[in-house]
Amino acid sequence: MQKVSEALADWVPPGRPIYDQSLYPHRYAIDFLIGVGCSVIPEEIRYRIDREVMSKPNVKGKQRKRRYPEAFMARLMLNAWLKETGEDEDTAYRALADKHLDVNGIVQP
């Protein structure tokens, strides 16, 4: 039988996301950028990447009407931002992932 203290150590409030090691740091970082942190990426980077994507033809060779999925767009924008600033990619992804965990109350073991 599990003790009360053990049960409380493993208990997570209903509806609260649980930390998943396989999502850290890349998926959590991207989730932050497509969620509450969407305004973190500078406007000039967002505008430039959006313009580049929309200027490329789609797979049928016609003018593109839709952007790539949000997660892919966020990666393109983050990569362009990191290239421009010269920051370390791993450090940036970890910082963004940590902010996502903090904002969403996800406890990292």
Protein backbone atom coordinates (compact mmCIF):
# COMPACT_ATOMS: atom_id res chain seq x y z
CA MET A 1 0.00 0.00 0.00
CA GLN A 2 1.31 3.44 -0.97
CA LYS A 3 1.82 5.93 1.86
CA VAL A 4 0.05 9.29 1.91
CA SER A 5 3.32 11.18 1.44
CA GLU A 6 4.19 9.06 -1.61
CA ALA A 7 0.75 9.57 -3.11
CA LEU A 8 1.00 13.33 -2.62
CA ALA A 9 4.49 13.43 -4.16
CA ASP A 10 3.16 11.88 -7.38
CA TRP A 11 -0.19 13.72 -7.42
CA VAL A 12 -0.84 16.30 -10.10
CA PRO A 13 -3.94 18.51 -10.04
CA PRO A 14 -6.50 17.51 -12.71
CA GLY A 15 -6.06 19.40 -15.96
CA ARG A 16 -2.50 20.47 -15.21
CA PRO A 17 0.03 19.35 -17.81
CA ILE A 18 2.61 16.82 -16.72
CA TYR A 19 6.29 17.20 -17.64
CA ASP A 20 7.41 14.98 -20.51
CA GLN A 21 11.19 14.57 -20.88
CA SER A 22 10.84 13.72 -24.59
CA LEU A 23 9.37 17.17 -25.27
CA TYR A 24 12.20 19.09 -23.58
CA PRO A 25 13.56 21.45 -24.83
CA HIS A 26 12.52 21.64 -28.49
CA ARG A 27 8.78 21.00 -28.38
CA TYR A 28 8.28 23.04 -25.23
CA ALA A 29 10.20 25.94 -26.79
CA ILE A 30 8.10 25.84 -29.94
CA ASP A 31 4.90 25.52 -27.90
CA PHE A 32 5.91 28.68 -26.06
CA LEU A 33 6.51 30.54 -29.32
CA ILE A 34 3.18 29.53 -30.87
CA GLY A 35 1.32 30.17 -27.60
CA VAL A 36 1.69 32.95 -25.08
CA GLY A 37 5.24 33.78 -26.20
CA CYS A 38 4.37 34.55 -29.81
CA SER A 39 5.36 38.18 -29.36
CA VAL A 40 8.86 37.30 -28.14
CA ILE A 41 10.23 37.01 -31.68
CA PRO A 42 11.00 40.49 -33.04
CA GLU A 43 8.47 41.89 -35.47
CA GLU A 44 11.07 42.37 -38.23
CA ILE A 45 12.01 38.66 -38.07
CA ARG A 46 8.36 37.56 -38.14
CA TYR A 47 7.60 39.85 -41.06
CA ARG A 48 10.68 38.83 -43.05
CA ILE A 49 10.13 35.08 -42.65
CA ASP A 50 6.43 35.43 -43.41
CA ARG A 51 7.26 37.36 -46.59
CA GLU A 52 9.89 34.78 -47.64
CA VAL A 53 7.50 31.86 -47.12
CA MET A 54 4.62 33.50 -48.95
CA SER A 55 6.83 34.46 -51.90
CA LYS A 56 7.73 30.80 -52.56
CA PRO A 57 5.42 28.83 -54.84
CA ASN A 58 3.45 25.92 -53.43
CA VAL A 59 4.02 22.30 -54.49
CA LYS A 60 1.89 22.85 -57.59
CA GLY A 61 4.07 25.78 -58.63
CA LYS A 62 1.33 28.30 -57.96
CA GLN A 63 1.30 31.29 -55.65
CA ARG A 64 1.12 30.20 -52.03
CA LYS A 65 -2.14 31.03 -50.25
CA ARG A 66 -1.35 29.55 -46.85
CA ARG A 67 1.61 29.61 -44.52
CA TYR A 68 3.33 26.52 -43.21
CA PRO A 69 1.94 25.04 -39.97
CA GLU A 70 2.50 27.22 -36.88
CA ALA A 71 5.21 25.02 -35.39
CA PHE A 72 7.21 25.03 -38.61
CA MET A 73 6.85 28.81 -38.97
CA ALA A 74 8.00 29.27 -35.37
CA ARG A 75 11.10 27.16 -36.04
CA LEU A 76 11.93 29.16 -39.17
CA MET A 77 11.56 32.42 -37.27
CA LEU A 78 13.57 31.23 -34.28
CA ASN A 79 16.36 29.91 -36.51
CA ALA A 80 16.51 33.23 -38.39
CA TRP A 81 16.62 35.12 -35.09
CA LEU A 82 19.41 32.93 -33.71
CA LYS A 83 21.38 33.27 -36.93
CA GLU A 84 21.06 37.03 -36.78
CA THR A 85 22.07 37.33 -33.11
CA GLY A 86 24.68 34.55 -33.13
CA GLU A 87 23.22 32.98 -30.01
CA ASP A 88 23.75 29.34 -29.09
CA GLU A 89 20.80 27.30 -30.34
CA ASP A 90 20.73 24.85 -27.45
CA THR A 91 20.84 27.61 -24.84
CA ALA A 92 18.02 29.50 -26.54
CA TYR A 93 15.80 26.41 -26.85
CA ARG A 94 16.35 25.60 -23.16
CA ALA A 95 15.53 29.17 -22.10
CA LEU A 96 12.32 29.16 -24.14
CA ALA A 97 11.35 25.70 -22.88
CA ASP A 98 12.00 26.73 -19.28
CA LYS A 99 9.82 29.80 -19.74
CA HIS A 100 7.04 27.60 -21.19
CA LEU A 101 7.25 25.28 -18.19
CA ASP A 102 7.19 28.23 -15.80
CA VAL A 103 4.22 29.94 -17.48
CA ASN A 104 2.19 26.73 -17.55
CA GLY A 105 3.09 25.55 -14.06
CA ILE A 106 4.74 22.38 -15.30
CA VAL A 107 7.21 21.02 -12.75
CA GLN A 108 10.43 19.61 -14.16
CA PRO A 109 11.84 16.79 -12.01
